[in-house]
Protein backbone atom coordinates (compact mmCIF):
# COMPACT_ATOMS: atom_id res chain seq x y z
CA MET A 1 39.77 85.33 28.47
CA ASP A 2 39.04 88.95 27.25
CA GLN A 3 40.50 91.67 29.42
CA THR A 4 37.82 94.59 29.62
CA ASP A 5 39.38 98.00 30.60
CA ILE A 6 37.77 99.09 33.87
CA SER A 7 37.35 102.83 34.65
CA ILE A 8 36.48 103.86 38.02
CA ASP A 9 35.57 107.72 38.64
CA VAL A 10 37.30 108.66 41.75
CA ASP A 11 35.05 111.81 42.43
CA GLN A 12 32.22 109.93 42.39
CA ILE A 13 32.94 107.83 45.31
CA ASP A 14 31.62 108.37 48.65
CA THR A 15 34.66 108.59 51.16
CA SER A 16 32.61 110.13 54.15
CA ILE A 17 32.95 107.63 57.10
CA ASP A 18 30.23 108.22 59.75
CA LEU A 19 32.73 108.72 62.70
CA SER A 20 29.96 109.57 65.33
CA GLU A 21 28.93 105.16 65.13
CA ILE A 22 32.46 104.17 65.34
CA GLN A 23 32.59 106.64 68.67
CA ARG A 24 29.21 105.14 69.95
CA ASP A 25 30.15 101.86 69.44
CA ILE A 26 33.72 102.28 71.03
CA PHE A 27 32.19 104.03 74.40
CA GLN A 28 29.27 101.29 74.61
CA THR A 29 31.61 98.23 74.13
CA GLN A 30 34.67 99.39 75.73
CA ILE A 31 34.92 102.89 77.45
CA ALA A 32 31.64 102.15 79.48
CA PRO A 33 32.18 98.84 80.92
CA SER A 34 35.79 99.83 81.80
CA TYR A 35 34.33 102.85 83.49
CA ALA A 36 31.58 100.44 85.50
CA ARG A 37 34.30 98.01 86.44
CA GLU A 38 36.61 100.91 87.44
CA ILE A 39 34.11 102.68 90.13
CA SER A 40 32.78 99.22 91.15
CA ASP A 41 36.37 98.28 91.91
CA GLY A 42 36.90 101.83 93.32
CA LEU A 43 34.09 101.20 95.89
CA CYS A 44 35.26 97.81 96.80
CA GLY A 45 39.13 98.97 97.51
CA ARG A 46 37.34 102.03 99.10
CA ARG A 47 35.56 99.68 101.83
CA ILE A 48 38.30 97.29 102.06
CA TRP A 49 41.44 99.78 102.85
CA ASN A 50 38.57 101.74 105.26
CA LYS A 51 37.89 98.68 107.15
CA MET A 52 41.72 97.79 107.72
CA SER A 53 42.28 101.10 108.95
CA VAL A 54 39.47 100.23 111.23
CA ILE A 55 41.29 97.19 112.50
CA PHE A 56 44.77 98.36 112.69
CA THR A 57 43.53 101.45 114.56
CA ILE A 58 41.77 98.86 117.19
CA LEU A 59 45.04 96.58 117.20
CA THR A 60 46.90 100.07 118.48
CA PHE A 61 44.53 100.33 121.25
CA VAL A 62 45.27 96.52 122.13
CA PHE A 63 48.62 96.61 121.76
CA MET A 64 49.40 99.74 123.64
CA ALA A 65 47.00 98.69 126.02
CA GLY A 66 48.95 95.45 126.84
CA SER A 67 52.03 97.81 126.80
CA SER A 68 50.71 99.73 129.50
CA VAL A 69 49.83 96.95 131.88
CA THR A 70 53.23 94.83 131.42
CA SER A 71 54.93 97.93 131.84
CA PHE A 72 53.08 98.83 134.95
CA SER A 73 53.05 95.49 136.40
CA SER A 74 56.72 94.35 135.77
CA PRO A 75 58.20 95.73 139.13
CA GLN A 76 55.48 93.48 140.62
CA PHE A 77 57.41 90.18 139.44
CA PRO A 78 60.89 88.60 139.93
CA SER A 79 60.82 88.34 135.91
CA GLN A 80 61.12 92.08 135.83
CA THR A 81 63.25 92.17 132.39
CA TYR A 82 61.04 89.87 130.52
CA LEU A 83 57.89 91.62 130.86
CA SER A 84 59.75 95.41 130.14
CA TYR A 85 61.23 93.95 126.92
CA LEU A 86 57.62 92.37 126.69
CA SER A 87 56.07 95.97 126.88
CA GLY A 88 58.92 97.52 124.50
CA THR A 89 58.02 95.14 121.92
CA LEU A 90 54.04 95.66 122.70
CA THR A 91 54.67 99.45 121.92
CA VAL A 92 56.76 98.65 118.92
CA ILE A 93 53.86 96.92 117.33
CA SER A 94 51.10 99.10 118.57
CA MET A 95 53.20 101.56 116.63
CA ILE A 96 53.29 99.94 113.59
CA CYS A 97 49.74 99.01 113.55
CA PHE A 98 49.24 102.72 113.93
CA LYS A 99 51.57 103.77 110.81
CA PHE A 100 49.80 100.75 108.54
CA ALA A 101 46.29 102.36 109.87
CA ILE A 102 47.50 106.08 108.89
CA TYR A 103 48.51 104.47 105.50
CA PHE A 104 45.01 102.02 105.30
CA SER A 105 43.11 105.20 105.74
CA SER A 106 45.25 107.42 103.48
CA LEU A 107 44.44 104.57 100.51
CA SER A 108 40.99 104.71 101.21
CA SER A 109 40.73 108.17 100.86
CA ASP A 110 42.69 108.24 97.44
CA CYS A 111 39.79 105.58 96.23
CA THR A 112 37.23 107.91 97.21
CA LYS A 113 38.78 110.80 94.86
CA GLN A 114 39.28 108.56 92.30
CA ILE A 115 36.07 107.89 92.12
CA ASN A 116 34.77 111.23 92.57
CA LEU A 117 36.38 112.15 89.95
CA MET A 118 35.41 109.29 87.49
CA LEU A 119 32.04 110.27 88.09
CA LYS A 120 32.40 113.87 87.96
CA SER A 121 34.16 113.01 84.04
CA ILE A 122 31.16 110.92 83.03
CA GLY A 123 28.65 113.70 84.09
CA MET A 124 27.46 112.64 87.39
CA SER A 125 26.94 115.30 90.20
CA ILE A 126 27.27 112.36 93.01
CA VAL A 127 30.07 113.26 95.21
CA LEU A 128 30.98 110.50 97.65
CA PRO A 129 31.92 111.89 101.43
CA ASP A 130 35.28 111.20 102.12
CA THR A 131 34.68 108.18 105.38
CA SER A 132 38.51 107.75 105.89
CA MET A 133 39.35 107.84 109.25
CA ALA A 134 42.43 110.18 108.41
CA ALA A 135 39.34 112.36 106.80
CA ILE A 136 37.19 111.99 110.19
CA ASP A 137 39.68 113.16 112.69
CA SER A 138 40.87 116.14 110.53
CA SER A 139 36.98 117.39 110.63
CA LEU A 140 36.80 116.48 114.36
CA ILE A 141 39.74 118.79 115.05
CA LYS A 142 38.58 121.56 112.93
CA GLU A 143 35.29 121.43 114.99
CA SER A 144 36.71 121.18 118.12
CA ARG A 145 38.94 124.30 117.57
CA SER A 146 35.89 125.92 115.80
CA ARG A 147 34.01 125.25 119.30
CA THR A 148 37.24 126.57 121.11
CA ASN A 149 37.51 129.78 118.99
CA ARG A 150 33.60 130.49 119.92
CA LEU A 151 34.47 129.86 123.55
CA ASN A 152 37.05 132.99 123.29
CA THR A 153 34.37 135.48 123.01
CA LYS A 154 34.48 139.13 124.98
CA HIS A 155 31.79 139.18 127.49
CA PRO A 156 29.55 142.23 127.44
CA HIS A 157 31.39 143.89 129.90
CA GLY A 158 34.67 144.09 127.94
CA THR A 159 36.12 141.49 129.52
CA GLU A 160 37.72 138.67 127.64
CA ILE A 161 35.92 135.15 128.59
CA LYS A 162 38.73 132.49 127.87
CA SER A 163 37.91 128.84 128.08
CA ASN A 164 40.03 126.13 129.54
CA THR A 165 40.61 124.22 126.18
CA SER A 166 44.05 124.60 124.37
CA ASP A 167 44.30 124.59 120.58
CA ALA A 168 47.40 122.37 121.15
């Protein structure tokens, strides 16, 4: 066997790598599908948490109504202690349902914020409104206060007109 000497001139080898092609490949195969899945999952989670919040809010009203009925009707029956116990139990269950409703509403709001952040990061100008119960409740409170403030105005003759509503 003949051994030949191979010499390579290192200066003549092209060592440049086209990073734009690698970046494009990574974006198309990994990042874009991941964003699509996360946005889809976020929209699904947002819808689920919002529905759960509405369901637990309705349960709160149902249990509170049951508690009120048993509380007011307990003196009319000989088993007053059992009805009082039932009334207290229904009140506690109602408060627990209300706390769950608030928790699920905040999860829905968090999903909306995360989706909006992801949409903004990929250059989309769409902003999803926060439709959670907490956001709706706070906007209704602000609207009510603004109406009350508009009603508390000065009369043209200099006397102050105050509304009967309070800011509490």
